[in-house]
Amino acid sequence: MHRMLPLCAALVAGATLGCGGADEEAAAGGESPSSNPTWRRDIEPLVQAKCQTCHRPGGIAPFALETYDEVNEVRELVKAAVTSRLMPPWLADGACAEYAHDLSLDEMQIATFAKWVDSGAPEGDAAGAEIDEAPATMSRIDLSLTMPEPYTAQQDPDDYRCFLIDWPESETAYVTGFQARPGNAEVVHHVIAFLIPPEAAADYAAMDEAEEGAGYTCFGGPGGGNDPGVSWIGSWAPGNMGGDLPAGTGLEVKPGSKIALQVHYNTVNGRQPDQTGIDLRIDRSVEKRAAWQFFADIQWLFPGGMKIPAGEPDVSHEFSVDPTPYFSDGNPFLIHKVGLHMHTRGTSARLSKTRADGTEECLLDIPRWDFHWQYNYDLETPTLVSPGDKLNIGCHWDNSAKNQPVVDGKQVQPKDLSWGEGTGDEMCLGAIYISEP
């Protein structure tokens, strides 16, 4: 029985406080906390590497952390966020796997920050400070695309809207890098770029034309059901700088295609106009064609297939499958990136690989799920999946009374949950970026 889900929901969502965005090697460190940490020598490089992607003028965070005065003013708040590991919001368990561009702070860095605050936050001498410049998000930008016209969210508090953009290239090209340009950080909470193939372009254009105003309403995917011809190009969430895709790989785009740019708006900060765009790196050929693939137990999508009863504090569902018949016609493939997706009642999720010999390899473990911080994690070393291997996904939810949202000042009463596109429904979805070996 075919039980795979080839394309489904978004993997990203928004947030409001802060995040990181550079390679961990850019951060100051050492083997033990500095005995007398100063802003110039010890803290500024950390803040640059881990915080300023969002904590900058025009960023998604509510305040900037670019100067000594800005950080010093809120030093106790920042210390509390850092020591509690609320910030930077890196949720992957490092004991599971090694990831490139790890945004987390290690114990030494946390101790150094706390000691700096506790010692009065000395600024120090600028002489001798080693400050790394922010890394480029992509090695180059070859194509920039933007929503055809501005849009102001119409639904409260969340508005999911798709905007169709014509693909301008006249010959086959490969996307080898992606980054988004949120037009209004006050209201944009996530962005996903879906690729609509030429043969489906007219159907999506008809959906767009059938709804008044800019774009059309869409949840999860870009509408039109789980069309196997539709694929993912890239996504943005707070803290996600984008960048080049793994070397030698790329996503094929044919002439006549369209981009469905899904933007999740949140109106907590009011209804404000937005005109979001994306930047792409383009190559005419690549060594290996790549693709984003999504998987879940298809039975979860049917009534009663993924029951999460009202009032239950710990409900779990698991699924395992050999993915090679579905993703690579029974051939081996490499996994370069991994991601997981649930909604607001999720508490933890895990993705792993079981080899044909029975040994298991952890790919991604999120022990403390947060709907507002959903990333795609780059494996430091890609992992090979061969016929006979299995991918495993498992998710946990808390559907007790204490874990319900507050609407109009009142906490919602628990109700039975199952798979659905709305934020109030639930999902358990895995995502992998794959290529030929």
Protein backbone atom coordinates (compact mmCIF):
# COMPACT_ATOMS: atom_id res chain seq x y z
CA MET A 1 0.00 0.00 0.00
CA HIS A 2 1.29 3.44 -0.91
CA ARG A 3 1.56 5.28 2.40
CA MET A 4 3.88 8.15 1.59
CA LEU A 5 2.92 11.82 1.59
CA PRO A 6 4.91 13.51 -1.22
CA LEU A 7 4.05 17.11 -0.46
CA CYS A 8 2.19 18.74 2.36
CA ALA A 9 2.49 21.44 4.95
CA ALA A 10 4.86 24.29 5.59
CA LEU A 11 7.85 23.67 7.80
CA VAL A 12 8.31 27.15 9.06
CA ALA A 13 6.66 29.79 11.15
CA GLY A 14 7.44 33.10 12.78
CA ALA A 15 8.59 34.45 16.10
CA THR A 16 9.23 37.73 17.86
CA LEU A 17 12.30 37.90 20.05
CA GLY A 18 15.65 36.97 18.57
CA CYS A 19 17.80 34.48 16.76
CA GLY A 20 21.21 33.64 15.37
CA GLY A 21 22.44 33.53 11.85
CA ALA A 22 26.14 32.88 11.37
CA ASP A 23 28.41 29.89 11.57
CA GLU A 24 29.36 29.00 15.11
CA GLU A 25 33.02 29.39 14.23
CA ALA A 26 32.40 33.12 13.98
CA ALA A 27 31.62 33.28 17.66
CA ALA A 28 34.19 34.11 20.27
CA GLY A 29 35.00 31.28 22.60
CA GLY A 30 37.88 29.32 23.86
CA GLU A 31 38.05 26.41 26.26
CA SER A 32 36.87 28.19 29.42
CA PRO A 33 35.05 31.42 30.29
CA SER A 34 37.20 34.51 30.19
CA SER A 35 38.26 35.57 33.68
CA ASN A 36 37.35 39.19 32.91
CA PRO A 37 35.04 39.20 29.88
CA THR A 38 34.48 42.50 28.10
CA TRP A 39 32.08 43.59 25.42
CA ARG A 40 34.79 44.33 22.86
CA ARG A 41 36.82 41.18 23.29
CA ASP A 42 34.30 38.50 24.27
CA ILE A 43 30.66 39.50 23.88
CA GLU A 44 30.39 41.56 20.72
CA PRO A 45 31.62 38.71 18.47
CA LEU A 46 29.06 36.39 20.08
CA VAL A 47 26.22 38.86 19.58
CA GLN A 48 27.24 39.46 15.99
CA ALA A 49 27.37 35.75 15.22
CA LYS A 50 24.28 34.61 17.08
CA CYS A 51 21.85 37.52 17.45
CA GLN A 52 22.15 40.23 14.82
CA THR A 53 20.43 38.35 12.01
CA CYS A 54 17.17 39.33 13.70
CA HIS A 55 18.20 41.95 16.28
CA ARG A 56 18.97 44.73 13.82
CA PRO A 57 17.09 47.71 12.36
CA GLY A 58 14.38 46.31 10.13
CA GLY A 59 14.83 42.79 11.51
CA ILE A 60 12.11 40.52 12.82
CA ALA A 61 13.14 41.06 16.46
CA PRO A 62 11.50 43.86 18.48
CA PHE A 63 14.77 45.65 19.26
CA ALA A 64 18.29 45.94 17.87
CA LEU A 65 21.42 44.51 19.51
CA GLU A 66 24.10 46.08 17.34
CA THR A 67 25.93 48.36 19.74
CA TYR A 68 27.30 48.19 23.27
CA ASP A 69 24.67 50.68 24.49
CA GLU A 70 21.80 48.66 22.97
CA VAL A 71 22.93 45.40 24.57
CA ASN A 72 23.88 46.98 27.89
CA GLU A 73 20.43 48.51 28.23
CA VAL A 74 18.75 45.08 28.14
CA ARG A 75 21.64 42.99 29.46
CA GLU A 76 19.62 41.30 32.22
CA LEU A 77 16.88 40.36 29.76
CA VAL A 78 19.40 38.98 27.30
CA LYS A 79 21.22 37.09 30.08
CA ALA A 80 17.95 35.45 31.15
CA ALA A 81 17.17 34.43 27.57
CA VAL A 82 20.66 33.04 27.01
CA THR A 83 21.04 31.14 30.29
CA SER A 84 17.57 29.58 29.89
CA ARG A 85 18.48 28.61 26.30
CA LEU A 86 15.43 30.43 25.04
CA MET A 87 17.84 32.33 22.79
CA PRO A 88 19.32 31.70 20.33
CA PRO A 89 16.39 29.46 19.33
CA TRP A 90 18.32 26.36 18.23
CA LEU A 91 16.14 23.39 19.15
CA ALA A 92 18.01 20.44 17.61
CA ASP A 93 19.67 18.14 20.14
CA GLY A 94 23.40 18.15 19.42
CA ALA A 95 23.70 14.59 20.73
CA CYS A 96 21.63 13.37 17.78
CA ALA A 97 23.79 14.55 14.88
CA GLU A 98 26.30 17.20 13.84
CA TYR A 99 24.92 20.12 11.86
CA ALA A 100 26.58 22.80 9.79
CA HIS A 101 25.94 26.40 10.90
CA ASP A 102 24.96 25.40 14.43
CA LEU A 103 23.42 28.52 15.96
CA SER A 104 23.45 27.31 19.56
CA LEU A 105 25.66 28.62 22.35
CA ASP A 106 27.82 26.12 24.20
CA GLU A 107 28.16 26.05 27.98
CA MET A 108 31.35 28.10 27.92
CA GLN A 109 29.78 30.85 25.81
CA ILE A 110 26.72 31.00 28.06
CA ALA A 111 28.95 31.21 31.15
CA THR A 112 31.01 33.97 29.56
CA PHE A 113 27.91 36.02 28.79
CA ALA A 114 26.50 35.56 32.29
CA LYS A 115 29.82 36.49 33.89
CA TRP A 116 30.05 39.63 31.74
CA VAL A 117 26.61 40.79 32.90
CA ASP A 118 27.31 39.88 36.55
CA SER A 119 30.58 41.84 36.51
CA GLY A 120 28.87 45.04 35.41
CA ALA A 121 29.02 44.58 31.62
CA PRO A 122 32.41 46.29 31.03
CA GLU A 123 32.90 47.64 27.54
CA GLY A 124 36.65 47.06 27.38
CA ASP A 125 39.22 48.31 24.94
CA ALA A 126 38.52 48.16 21.23
CA ALA A 127 42.20 47.48 20.57
CA GLY A 128 42.78 43.84 19.79
CA ALA A 129 39.10 42.94 19.44
CA GLU A 130 38.53 40.26 16.84
CA ILE A 131 35.18 41.00 15.26
CA ASP A 132 33.93 38.88 12.39
CA GLU A 133 31.81 40.47 9.73
CA ALA A 134 28.42 38.94 9.09
CA PRO A 135 28.70 36.19 6.48
CA ALA A 136 27.09 36.54 3.09
CA THR A 137 23.83 34.64 2.90
CA MET A 138 24.58 33.49 -0.63
CA SER A 139 27.71 33.53 -2.72
CA ARG A 140 25.83 35.54 -5.38
CA ILE A 141 22.33 36.69 -6.36
CA ASP A 142 21.37 35.95 -9.98
CA LEU A 143 17.62 36.47 -9.87
CA SER A 144 15.32 38.50 -7.63
CA LEU A 145 11.55 37.96 -7.69
CA THR A 146 8.91 39.94 -5.79
CA MET A 147 5.18 39.71 -5.13
CA PRO A 148 3.35 41.41 -8.03
CA GLU A 149 1.71 43.97 -5.72
CA PRO A 150 1.52 44.80 -2.01
CA TYR A 151 -0.92 42.90 0.20
CA THR A 152 -2.44 43.73 3.57
CA ALA A 153 -3.59 40.78 5.70
CA GLN A 154 -7.38 40.41 5.87
CA GLN A 155 -7.77 37.57 8.38
CA ASP A 156 -7.00 37.73 12.10
CA PRO A 157 -4.75 36.68 13.68
CA ASP A 158 -3.22 34.54 10.91
CA ASP A 159 -3.55 34.98 7.17
CA TYR A 160 -1.96 32.43 4.81
CA ARG A 161 -1.72 33.87 1.32
CA CYS A 162 -0.14 32.63 -1.92
CA PHE A 163 1.10 34.95 -4.67
CA LEU A 164 1.93 33.66 -8.16
CA ILE A 165 5.12 34.90 -9.81
CA ASP A 166 6.05 34.07 -13.41
CA TRP A 167 9.37 32.29 -13.89
CA PRO A 168 11.31 34.56 -16.28
CA GLU A 169 13.99 32.17 -17.58
CA SER A 170 13.65 30.90 -21.17
CA GLU A 171 15.73 27.75 -20.68
CA THR A 172 16.04 25.10 -18.00
CA ALA A 173 17.89 26.38 -14.94
CA TYR A 174 18.82 25.11 -11.49
CA VAL A 175 18.25 26.93 -8.24
CA THR A 176 21.46 26.53 -6.24
CA GLY A 177 20.82 29.13 -3.55
CA PHE A 178 17.82 30.71 -1.87
CA GLN A 179 17.03 33.54 0.50
CA ALA A 180 13.83 35.44 1.22
CA ARG A 181 13.32 39.18 1.61
CA PRO A 182 10.38 39.73 3.99
CA GLY A 183 8.86 43.02 2.95
CA ASN A 184 7.50 43.91 6.39
CA ALA A 185 9.08 42.16 9.37
CA GLU A 186 6.28 43.42 11.62
CA VAL A 187 3.73 41.11 10.01
CA VAL A 188 5.56 38.42 8.00
CA HIS A 189 6.02 35.23 10.01
CA HIS A 190 7.13 32.76 7.36
CA VAL A 191 7.71 32.49 3.64
CA ILE A 192 7.75 29.38 1.44
CA ALA A 193 8.49 29.35 -2.29
CA PHE A 194 6.74 26.49 -4.12
CA LEU A 195 7.62 25.54 -7.70
CA ILE A 196 4.60 25.06 -9.97
CA PRO A 197 5.59 23.07 -13.10
CA PRO A 198 4.50 24.34 -16.55
CA GLU A 199 1.81 21.68 -16.95
CA ALA A 200 0.08 22.86 -13.74
CA ALA A 201 0.61 26.61 -14.17
CA ALA A 202 -2.82 27.27 -15.74
CA ASP A 203 -4.65 25.52 -12.88
CA TYR A 204 -2.93 27.67 -10.26
CA ALA A 205 -3.50 30.82 -12.30
CA ALA A 206 -7.21 29.96 -12.32
CA MET A 207 -7.20 29.65 -8.50
CA ASP A 208 -5.54 33.04 -8.25
CA GLU A 209 -8.04 34.68 -10.60
CA ALA A 210 -11.01 33.14 -8.79
CA GLU A 211 -10.31 35.07 -5.59
CA GLU A 212 -10.53 38.83 -5.34
CA GLY A 213 -7.52 40.90 -4.34
CA ALA A 214 -3.83 40.10 -4.51
CA GLY A 215 -3.08 36.39 -4.29
CA TYR A 216 -5.34 33.67 -2.90
CA THR A 217 -5.85 31.89 0.42
CA CYS A 218 -3.70 28.79 0.92
CA PHE A 219 -2.80 26.54 3.85
CA GLY A 220 0.04 24.02 4.06
CA GLY A 221 0.89 23.77 0.38
CA PRO A 222 0.05 26.22 -2.41
CA GLY A 223 -3.46 24.83 -2.91
CA GLY A 224 -4.73 22.39 -5.47
CA GLY A 225 -4.29 19.33 -3.24
CA ASN A 226 -1.10 17.32 -2.92
CA ASP A 227 -0.05 17.68 -6.55
CA PRO A 228 3.04 15.47 -7.03
CA GLY A 229 4.35 17.88 -9.67
CA VAL A 230 4.59 20.73 -7.16
CA SER A 231 7.85 20.97 -5.24
CA TRP A 232 9.66 23.12 -2.70
CA ILE A 233 12.31 25.71 -3.57
CA GLY A 234 13.05 27.24 -0.18
CA SER A 235 11.66 28.84 2.95
CA TRP A 236 12.29 31.60 5.45
CA ALA A 237 11.56 31.93 9.15
CA PRO A 238 13.08 34.33 11.69
CA GLY A 239 16.77 33.53 12.02
CA ASN A 240 16.97 31.70 8.69
CA MET A 241 19.40 33.61 6.50
CA GLY A 242 19.14 31.26 3.55
CA GLY A 243 22.25 30.55 1.52
CA ASP A 244 23.78 28.29 -1.08
CA LEU A 245 22.39 24.79 -1.39
CA PRO A 246 24.85 21.92 -0.87
CA ALA A 247 27.70 22.12 -3.36
CA GLY A 248 27.06 20.44 -6.67
CA THR A 249 23.29 20.14 -6.16
CA GLY A 250 20.38 22.14 -7.46
CA LEU A 251 16.63 22.25 -8.03
CA GLU A 252 15.55 22.01 -11.66
CA VAL A 253 13.18 24.69 -12.98
CA LYS A 254 11.74 24.47 -16.49
CA PRO A 255 10.61 27.39 -18.67
CA GLY A 256 6.94 28.21 -18.21
CA SER A 257 6.96 27.39 -14.52
CA LYS A 258 5.52 29.63 -11.81
CA ILE A 259 6.52 30.36 -8.23
CA ALA A 260 3.75 30.25 -5.65
CA LEU A 261 5.07 32.41 -2.84
CA GLN A 262 3.23 31.51 0.36
CA VAL A 263 3.42 34.17 3.05
CA HIS A 264 2.10 33.64 6.57
CA TYR A 265 0.97 36.96 8.03
CA ASN A 266 0.24 37.56 11.70
CA THR A 267 -1.74 40.65 12.66
CA VAL A 268 -0.65 40.95 16.31
CA ASN A 269 1.20 44.13 15.30
CA GLY A 270 -1.71 45.36 13.22
CA ARG A 271 -2.59 45.11 9.56
CA GLN A 272 0.23 46.52 7.51
CA PRO A 273 1.04 46.26 3.78
CA ASP A 274 3.76 43.88 2.65
CA GLN A 275 5.53 43.06 -0.59
CA THR A 276 7.87 40.14 0.07
CA GLY A 277 10.44 38.81 -2.40
CA ILE A 278 13.07 36.11 -2.85
CA ASP A 279 16.63 36.08 -4.15
CA LEU A 280 18.00 33.08 -6.03
CA ARG A 281 21.34 31.81 -7.17
CA ILE A 282 20.96 30.19 -10.60
CA ASP A 283 23.21 27.76 -12.49
CA ARG A 284 22.72 26.28 -15.95
CA SER A 285 23.90 22.83 -14.90
CA VAL A 286 24.66 20.93 -11.71
CA GLU A 287 26.41 17.69 -10.87
CA LYS A 288 23.36 16.26 -9.13
CA ARG A 289 19.70 17.16 -9.37
CA ALA A 290 18.17 17.52 -5.95
CA ALA A 291 14.69 17.75 -4.48
CA TRP A 292 12.84 18.37 -1.25
CA GLN A 293 10.78 15.36 -0.21
CA PHE A 294 8.14 15.19 2.51
CA PHE A 295 6.84 12.10 4.21
CA ALA A 296 4.28 10.91 6.73
CA ASP A 297 1.92 7.98 7.11
CA ILE A 298 -0.79 8.61 4.51
CA GLN A 299 -3.26 6.95 6.88
CA TRP A 300 -2.82 9.90 9.25
CA LEU A 301 -4.64 12.10 6.74
CA PHE A 302 -7.84 10.06 6.88
CA PRO A 303 -10.50 10.38 9.60
CA GLY A 304 -9.33 8.62 12.73
CA GLY A 305 -5.87 8.05 11.31
CA MET A 306 -3.95 10.26 13.75
CA LYS A 307 -6.07 10.52 16.89
CA ILE A 308 -4.99 12.98 19.58
CA PRO A 309 -7.77 12.70 22.19
CA ALA A 310 -8.90 15.70 24.19
CA GLY A 311 -7.32 16.00 27.62
CA GLU A 312 -4.45 13.57 27.00
CA PRO A 313 -1.06 14.99 28.14
CA ASP A 314 1.15 12.70 26.04
CA VAL A 315 -0.02 11.20 22.76
CA SER A 316 2.44 9.81 20.21
CA HIS A 317 2.35 8.48 16.67
CA GLU A 318 5.20 6.82 14.75
CA PHE A 319 5.81 5.72 11.18
CA SER A 320 8.63 3.86 9.39
CA VAL A 321 9.12 3.18 5.70
CA ASP A 322 11.76 2.32 3.11
CA PRO A 323 11.58 5.58 1.10
CA THR A 324 13.65 4.53 -1.91
CA PRO A 325 10.74 3.18 -4.02
CA TYR A 326 8.95 6.53 -3.66
CA PHE A 327 11.78 9.05 -3.82
CA SER A 328 14.43 7.49 -6.07
CA ASP A 329 12.87 4.57 -8.00
CA GLY A 330 14.51 2.09 -5.64
CA ASN A 331 17.99 3.59 -5.90
CA PRO A 332 20.23 4.93 -3.10
CA PHE A 333 20.16 8.66 -2.35
CA LEU A 334 21.88 11.17 -0.09
CA ILE A 335 20.14 13.23 2.58
CA HIS A 336 21.70 16.70 2.99
CA LYS A 337 19.09 18.59 5.06
CA VAL A 338 16.41 17.49 7.51
CA GLY A 339 13.35 19.09 9.06
CA LEU A 340 10.26 18.30 11.12
CA HIS A 341 6.84 19.92 11.31
CA MET A 342 4.02 19.90 13.87
CA HIS A 343 1.62 22.53 15.15
CA THR A 344 0.97 24.18 18.51
CA ARG A 345 0.23 21.15 20.71
CA GLY A 346 3.45 19.39 19.72
CA THR A 347 5.99 18.69 22.47
CA SER A 348 8.77 16.70 20.77
CA ALA A 349 9.64 15.06 17.45
CA ARG A 350 12.36 12.80 16.11
CA LEU A 351 13.64 11.71 12.71
CA SER A 352 16.04 8.78 12.24
CA LYS A 353 17.29 6.19 9.80
CA THR A 354 17.40 2.44 10.44
CA ARG A 355 19.86 0.62 8.22
CA ALA A 356 19.05 -2.74 6.70
CA ASP A 357 21.31 -4.36 9.33
CA GLY A 358 19.15 -2.93 12.11
CA THR A 359 21.49 -0.16 13.34
CA GLU A 360 19.93 3.26 13.84
CA GLU A 361 21.26 6.72 12.97
CA CYS A 362 19.63 9.77 14.52
CA LEU A 363 19.04 12.56 12.00
CA LEU A 364 17.07 15.15 13.96
CA ASP A 365 15.78 15.21 17.53
CA ILE A 366 13.68 18.14 18.78
CA PRO A 367 13.12 17.39 22.49
CA ARG A 368 11.41 20.74 23.14
CA TRP A 369 9.11 21.58 20.27
CA ASP A 370 8.32 25.21 19.54
CA PHE A 371 5.91 25.99 16.72
CA HIS A 372 7.49 29.41 16.26
CA TRP A 373 11.00 28.12 15.52
CA GLN A 374 11.03 25.56 12.76
CA TYR A 375 14.22 25.15 10.76
CA ASN A 376 15.75 22.90 8.16
CA TYR A 377 19.02 21.59 9.57
CA ASP A 378 22.11 20.97 7.40
CA LEU A 379 23.80 17.67 8.20
CA GLU A 380 27.53 18.20 8.60
CA THR A 381 28.02 14.98 6.61
CA PRO A 382 25.26 13.83 4.22
CA THR A 383 23.91 10.38 4.98
CA LEU A 384 23.26 7.63 2.42
CA VAL A 385 19.90 5.87 2.27
CA SER A 386 19.98 2.53 0.47
CA PRO A 387 17.17 0.11 -0.47
CA GLY A 388 16.20 -1.79 2.65
CA ASP A 389 16.91 1.16 4.95
CA LYS A 390 14.00 2.84 6.69
CA LEU A 391 13.21 6.41 7.64
CA ASN A 392 11.47 6.75 10.99
CA ILE A 393 9.41 9.67 12.25
CA GLY A 394 7.79 10.05 15.65
CA CYS A 395 5.86 12.92 17.21
CA HIS A 396 4.45 13.66 20.68
CA TRP A 397 1.63 16.04 21.61
CA ASP A 398 0.15 17.47 24.80
CA ASN A 399 -3.59 17.95 24.35
CA SER A 400 -4.34 18.55 28.02
CA ALA A 401 -6.22 21.58 29.32
CA LYS A 402 -3.01 23.38 30.29
CA ASN A 403 -1.66 23.27 26.73
CA GLN A 404 -4.52 25.02 24.94
CA PRO A 405 -4.35 28.43 23.23
CA VAL A 406 -5.91 31.57 24.68
CA VAL A 407 -8.50 33.23 22.43
CA ASP A 408 -10.13 36.53 23.41
CA GLY A 409 -8.67 36.22 26.88
CA LYS A 410 -10.08 32.75 27.51
CA GLN A 411 -8.27 29.43 27.35
CA VAL A 412 -9.74 27.10 24.75
CA GLN A 413 -11.16 23.82 26.05
CA PRO A 414 -9.45 20.64 24.77
CA LYS A 415 -11.02 18.88 21.82
CA ASP A 416 -10.12 15.78 19.86
CA LEU A 417 -7.42 16.62 17.30
CA SER A 418 -6.31 14.99 14.08
CA TRP A 419 -4.41 15.82 10.91
CA GLY A 420 -5.38 19.15 9.37
CA GLU A 421 -4.10 22.27 7.64
CA GLY A 422 -5.20 24.77 10.29
CA THR A 423 -2.94 25.93 13.10
CA GLY A 424 -5.50 24.47 15.52
CA ASP A 425 -5.19 21.04 13.87
CA GLU A 426 -2.04 18.91 14.01
CA MET A 427 0.56 17.25 11.81
CA CYS A 428 3.63 15.04 12.02
CA LEU A 429 5.66 15.65 8.88
CA GLY A 430 9.26 14.97 7.92
CA ALA A 431 11.26 16.85 5.30
CA ILE A 432 14.52 15.86 3.62
CA TYR A 433 16.63 17.54 0.91
CA ILE A 434 18.04 14.71 -1.22
CA SER A 435 20.26 14.12 -4.21
CA GLU A 436 21.87 11.26 -6.06
CA PRO A 437 24.86 9.72 -4.23
